[in-house]
Amino acid sequence: MQGDARRRRNENYFDDIPRSKLERQMA
C-alpha cells in the first residue's frame, strides 16, 4: 500500500514537471 501511494505521488510529481525540463533531465 505504501509503495503504491509513493508511486502515485511520483507520477504526479513528474506530471507536474514541464516537459522541456523532464526531457533535459533525461537527455
N, C-alpha and C. Protein backbone atom coordinates (compact mmCIF):
# COMPACT_ATOMS: atom_id res chain seq x y z
N MET A 1 0.85 -1.21 0.00
CA MET A 1 0.00 0.00 0.00
C MET A 1 0.88 1.26 0.00
N GLN A 2 1.88 1.26 0.86
CA GLN A 2 2.76 2.44 0.93
C GLN A 2 3.46 2.65 -0.41
N GLY A 3 3.94 1.56 -1.00
CA GLY A 3 4.64 1.67 -2.28
C GLY A 3 3.72 2.26 -3.34
N ASP A 4 2.45 1.83 -3.34
CA ASP A 4 1.52 2.34 -4.34
C ASP A 4 1.33 3.85 -4.17
N ALA A 5 1.19 4.29 -2.92
CA ALA A 5 1.00 5.72 -2.67
C ALA A 5 2.23 6.49 -3.13
N ARG A 6 3.42 5.93 -2.84
CA ARG A 6 4.64 6.64 -3.23
C ARG A 6 4.71 6.70 -4.77
N ARG A 7 4.32 5.60 -5.42
CA ARG A 7 4.40 5.59 -6.88
C ARG A 7 3.42 6.64 -7.46
N ARG A 8 2.23 6.71 -6.86
CA ARG A 8 1.25 7.68 -7.37
C ARG A 8 1.80 9.10 -7.19
N ARG A 9 2.44 9.34 -6.06
CA ARG A 9 2.97 10.69 -5.80
C ARG A 9 4.08 10.99 -6.82
N ASN A 10 4.88 9.99 -7.12
CA ASN A 10 5.95 10.19 -8.10
C ASN A 10 5.36 10.55 -9.45
N GLU A 11 4.29 9.85 -9.84
CA GLU A 11 3.66 10.13 -11.13
C GLU A 11 3.18 11.58 -11.16
N ASN A 12 2.54 12.00 -10.09
CA ASN A 12 2.05 13.39 -10.05
C ASN A 12 3.21 14.37 -10.12
N TYR A 13 4.30 14.05 -9.45
CA TYR A 13 5.47 14.94 -9.44
C TYR A 13 6.02 15.08 -10.85
N PHE A 14 6.17 13.94 -11.53
CA PHE A 14 6.71 14.00 -12.90
C PHE A 14 5.73 14.72 -13.81
N ASP A 15 4.43 14.49 -13.60
CA ASP A 15 3.43 15.12 -14.45
C ASP A 15 3.45 16.64 -14.24
N ASP A 16 3.79 17.06 -13.03
CA ASP A 16 3.82 18.49 -12.73
C ASP A 16 5.03 19.16 -13.38
N ILE A 17 6.11 18.41 -13.55
CA ILE A 17 7.32 18.98 -14.15
C ILE A 17 7.09 19.28 -15.63
N PRO A 18 7.54 20.43 -16.09
CA PRO A 18 7.39 20.77 -17.51
C PRO A 18 8.08 19.73 -18.38
N ARG A 19 7.55 19.53 -19.60
CA ARG A 19 8.12 18.51 -20.49
C ARG A 19 9.55 18.90 -20.86
N SER A 20 9.80 20.16 -21.12
CA SER A 20 11.16 20.57 -21.52
C SER A 20 12.16 20.22 -20.40
N LYS A 21 11.79 20.48 -19.17
CA LYS A 21 12.69 20.19 -18.05
C LYS A 21 12.92 18.69 -17.95
N LEU A 22 11.84 17.91 -18.08
CA LEU A 22 11.97 16.46 -17.98
C LEU A 22 12.86 15.94 -19.10
N GLU A 23 12.67 16.45 -20.30
CA GLU A 23 13.49 15.99 -21.43
C GLU A 23 14.95 16.35 -21.20
N ARG A 24 15.21 17.53 -20.69
CA ARG A 24 16.60 17.94 -20.45
C ARG A 24 17.22 17.02 -19.40
N GLN A 25 16.44 16.65 -18.36
CA GLN A 25 16.97 15.77 -17.32
C GLN A 25 17.27 14.38 -17.90
N MET A 26 16.40 13.90 -18.78
CA MET A 26 16.59 12.57 -19.36
C MET A 26 17.78 12.57 -20.31
N ALA A 27 17.92 13.61 -21.11
CA ALA A 27 18.98 13.65 -22.14
C ALA A 27 20.36 13.54 -21.51
